[in-house]
Amino acid sequence: MPRKKVIVARTPQPGPRAAPYPVKIACGAGGSDYNGRHRETSIPKDAPDMTSRTLRTATAIAFVALLAGCGGGRHKAQFASDVAAAKTTTIGINTYLWKASLETLSFMPLLQTDSNGGVIVTDWYVNPNQPAERMKLTVTILDADLRADAVRVAAQRQVLSNGNWVDAVVQAATVQKLEDIILTRARDLRRATVSVG
């Protein structure tokens, strides 16, 4: 069976655009169809030119993208600075949470501070108003984002009994209050940085 050929002949019409124009298609071997008859098909004059349509579509998309890039510049810049500020991680963790944790625990002696791992461990602290009780805290920063679940405080408490320090229960409200203090301070630091920038 002979291989079929498709011959496309285009005749542009005069005018400002070279489209639309009629297209003659001859099918079959030697310009005939399967039955050996010559066949011509004309595409209507009002059919759009695909090249012109593709060009118009690409131009429209580029124009819309350009407008989107220009529109609302101040609001977009503010949003970008807010996002950037919430993700300040120059030391491997969220900087605001790190600074807020150090400030909150500044009254306690520190045993370990690891900014890369986001861990602060304090030594035992005895409150002058309650000399028979002492506490030790571990603060862990878990995320690069400034979020409520990005900081965790673990507390150990001991009480003095018969000259010995004995482990005691830590109330959950104490730990929650410390986490809230750290988060509030971190948000204040972030707001101050964004307003200055």
Protein backbone atom coordinates (compact mmCIF):
# COMPACT_ATOMS: atom_id res chain seq x y z
CA MET A 1 0.00 0.00 0.00
CA PRO A 2 1.56 3.35 -1.04
CA ARG A 3 2.35 5.91 1.66
CA LYS A 4 -0.11 8.84 1.76
CA LYS A 5 1.18 12.37 1.31
CA VAL A 6 -0.40 15.56 2.60
CA ILE A 7 0.36 18.66 0.54
CA VAL A 8 -0.61 22.03 2.02
CA ALA A 9 -0.67 25.08 -0.21
CA ARG A 10 -1.38 28.46 1.35
CA THR A 11 -2.30 31.60 -0.50
CA PRO A 12 -2.16 34.72 1.70
CA GLN A 13 -4.76 37.39 1.11
CA PRO A 14 -3.78 41.05 0.82
CA GLY A 15 -4.46 43.31 3.77
CA PRO A 16 -2.99 44.33 7.11
CA ARG A 17 -2.66 40.65 8.22
CA ALA A 18 -1.72 37.66 6.19
CA ALA A 19 -4.50 35.59 7.78
CA PRO A 20 -7.06 34.14 7.46
CA TYR A 21 -6.59 32.53 4.08
CA PRO A 22 -7.90 29.47 2.28
CA VAL A 23 -5.91 26.26 2.54
CA LYS A 24 -6.03 23.58 -0.14
CA ILE A 25 -5.32 20.05 1.02
CA ALA A 26 -4.65 17.28 -1.45
CA CYS A 27 -4.72 13.80 0.07
CA GLY A 28 -3.59 10.46 -1.24
CA ALA A 29 -0.85 9.23 -3.52
CA GLY A 30 -0.24 11.68 -6.29
CA GLY A 31 -2.86 14.13 -4.95
CA SER A 32 -5.80 11.70 -4.88
CA ASP A 33 -7.83 10.24 -2.03
CA TYR A 34 -8.22 6.55 -1.25
CA ASN A 35 -10.65 6.09 -4.11
CA GLY A 36 -8.28 7.72 -6.58
CA ARG A 37 -10.30 10.95 -6.76
CA HIS A 38 -8.65 14.35 -6.28
CA ARG A 39 -9.99 16.19 -3.24
CA GLU A 40 -9.59 19.81 -2.10
CA THR A 41 -10.76 21.26 1.17
CA SER A 42 -10.87 24.96 1.95
CA ILE A 43 -10.69 26.29 5.49
CA PRO A 44 -13.17 29.15 5.93
CA LYS A 45 -11.82 32.67 5.69
CA ASP A 46 -13.02 33.53 9.20
CA ALA A 47 -10.91 30.73 10.81
CA PRO A 48 -8.21 32.32 13.01
CA ASP A 49 -4.54 31.97 12.23
CA MET A 50 -2.92 29.74 14.89
CA THR A 51 0.40 31.57 14.78
CA SER A 52 -1.30 34.91 15.27
CA ARG A 53 -3.48 33.54 18.06
CA THR A 54 -0.45 32.05 19.86
CA LEU A 55 1.41 35.34 19.58
CA ARG A 56 -1.57 37.30 20.94
CA THR A 57 -1.96 34.87 23.84
CA ALA A 58 1.73 35.06 24.75
CA THR A 59 1.62 38.86 24.62
CA ALA A 60 -1.46 38.98 26.84
CA ILE A 61 0.12 36.66 29.42
CA ALA A 62 3.31 38.73 29.48
CA PHE A 63 1.29 41.94 29.91
CA VAL A 64 -0.76 40.49 32.77
CA ALA A 65 2.43 39.24 34.47
CA LEU A 66 3.96 42.70 34.09
CA LEU A 67 0.91 44.35 35.64
CA ALA A 68 0.86 41.83 38.47
CA GLY A 69 4.50 42.59 39.19
CA CYS A 70 3.85 46.33 39.33
CA GLY A 71 0.51 46.41 41.11
CA GLY A 72 0.35 46.79 44.87
CA GLY A 73 4.08 47.21 45.24
CA ARG A 74 3.95 48.72 48.71
CA HIS A 75 1.65 46.01 50.09
CA LYS A 76 3.73 43.25 48.48
CA ALA A 77 6.91 44.74 49.91
CA GLN A 78 5.31 44.93 53.36
CA PHE A 79 4.15 41.30 53.07
CA ALA A 80 7.62 40.22 51.97
CA SER A 81 9.26 42.01 54.87
CA ASP A 82 6.81 40.44 57.32
CA VAL A 83 7.51 36.97 55.98
CA ALA A 84 11.24 37.59 55.95
CA ALA A 85 11.09 38.97 59.45
CA ALA A 86 9.21 35.94 60.74
CA LYS A 87 11.87 33.64 59.32
CA THR A 88 15.04 35.36 60.52
CA THR A 89 17.42 32.44 60.93
CA THR A 90 20.95 33.84 60.75
CA ILE A 91 22.02 31.56 63.60
CA GLY A 92 20.27 28.40 62.42
CA ILE A 93 17.05 28.98 64.38
CA ASN A 94 14.54 31.78 64.75
CA THR A 95 16.51 34.78 65.98
CA TYR A 96 13.56 36.42 67.74
CA LEU A 97 12.78 33.32 69.78
CA TRP A 98 16.47 32.93 70.64
CA LYS A 99 16.88 36.52 71.83
CA ALA A 100 13.58 36.44 73.71
CA SER A 101 14.60 33.22 75.48
CA LEU A 102 17.96 34.67 76.54
CA GLU A 103 16.30 37.85 77.81
CA THR A 104 13.61 35.92 79.69
CA LEU A 105 16.20 33.69 81.41
CA SER A 106 18.75 36.45 82.03
CA PHE A 107 18.13 36.33 85.80
CA MET A 108 19.25 32.66 85.92
CA PRO A 109 22.81 31.31 85.60
CA LEU A 110 23.35 29.59 82.24
CA LEU A 111 25.08 26.25 81.84
CA GLN A 112 24.77 25.81 78.07
CA THR A 113 23.70 27.89 75.09
CA ASP A 114 23.69 26.29 71.65
CA SER A 115 22.39 28.67 68.99
CA ASN A 116 22.72 26.12 66.19
CA GLY A 117 20.66 23.51 68.01
CA GLY A 118 18.43 26.09 69.69
CA VAL A 119 19.00 24.83 73.24
CA ILE A 120 19.46 26.87 76.41
CA VAL A 121 20.11 25.07 79.70
CA THR A 122 20.21 26.97 82.98
CA ASP A 123 21.84 26.03 86.24
CA TRP A 124 19.84 25.65 89.45
CA TYR A 125 18.32 28.95 90.54
CA VAL A 126 17.18 29.68 94.07
CA ASN A 127 14.60 32.41 94.44
CA PRO A 128 15.66 34.75 97.30
CA ASN A 129 12.05 34.91 98.44
CA GLN A 130 11.84 31.09 98.63
CA PRO A 131 15.24 29.77 99.69
CA ALA A 132 13.92 26.23 100.20
CA GLU A 133 13.06 25.84 96.51
CA ARG A 134 15.14 25.86 93.35
CA MET A 135 14.49 25.47 89.61
CA LYS A 136 16.39 24.50 86.50
CA LEU A 137 15.10 25.22 82.98
CA THR A 138 15.78 23.91 79.48
CA VAL A 139 14.46 25.96 76.56
CA THR A 140 14.39 24.38 73.11
CA ILE A 141 13.60 26.29 69.93
CA LEU A 142 12.11 23.83 67.45
CA ASP A 143 11.49 25.82 64.27
CA ALA A 144 12.86 28.58 62.09
CA ASP A 145 9.41 30.24 62.04
CA LEU A 146 8.05 32.43 64.80
CA ARG A 147 5.16 30.21 65.87
CA ALA A 148 3.50 29.31 69.15
CA ASP A 149 4.67 25.69 68.95
CA ALA A 150 8.26 26.62 68.04
CA VAL A 151 9.44 26.97 71.64
CA ARG A 152 9.34 24.37 74.39
CA VAL A 153 10.25 24.85 78.04
CA ALA A 154 11.10 21.95 80.33
CA ALA A 155 11.46 22.66 84.04
CA GLN A 156 12.92 20.78 86.99
CA ARG A 157 12.02 21.75 90.54
CA GLN A 158 13.50 20.70 93.84
CA VAL A 159 12.64 21.51 97.40
CA LEU A 160 14.90 21.42 100.44
CA SER A 161 13.92 18.66 102.83
CA ASN A 162 16.05 17.75 105.90
CA GLY A 163 19.12 19.36 104.32
CA ASN A 164 18.74 17.54 100.98
CA TRP A 165 17.31 18.70 97.67
CA VAL A 166 14.41 16.49 96.65
CA ASP A 167 12.66 16.47 93.27
CA ALA A 168 9.22 18.03 93.30
CA VAL A 169 6.37 18.37 90.84
CA VAL A 170 6.40 21.32 88.43
CA GLN A 171 3.01 22.82 87.73
CA ALA A 172 2.09 22.85 84.03
CA ALA A 173 0.95 26.46 84.36
CA THR A 174 4.50 27.50 85.27
CA VAL A 175 5.94 26.05 82.06
CA GLN A 176 3.08 27.48 79.97
CA LYS A 177 3.60 30.92 81.49
CA LEU A 178 7.31 30.87 80.65
CA GLU A 179 6.57 29.86 77.05
CA ASP A 180 4.02 32.67 76.75
CA ILE A 181 6.52 35.21 78.10
CA ILE A 182 9.13 34.10 75.55
CA LEU A 183 6.64 34.20 72.67
CA THR A 184 5.34 37.64 73.64
CA ARG A 185 8.86 39.03 73.84
CA ALA A 186 9.80 37.45 70.49
CA ARG A 187 6.76 39.02 68.82
CA ASP A 188 7.66 42.40 70.30
CA LEU A 189 11.19 42.08 68.92
CA ARG A 190 9.83 41.17 65.50
CA ARG A 191 7.38 44.08 65.46
CA ALA A 192 10.16 46.49 66.40
CA THR A 193 12.38 45.17 63.59
CA VAL A 194 9.63 45.35 60.95
CA SER A 195 8.57 48.88 61.94
CA VAL A 196 12.18 50.10 61.78
CA GLY A 197 12.73 48.41 58.39
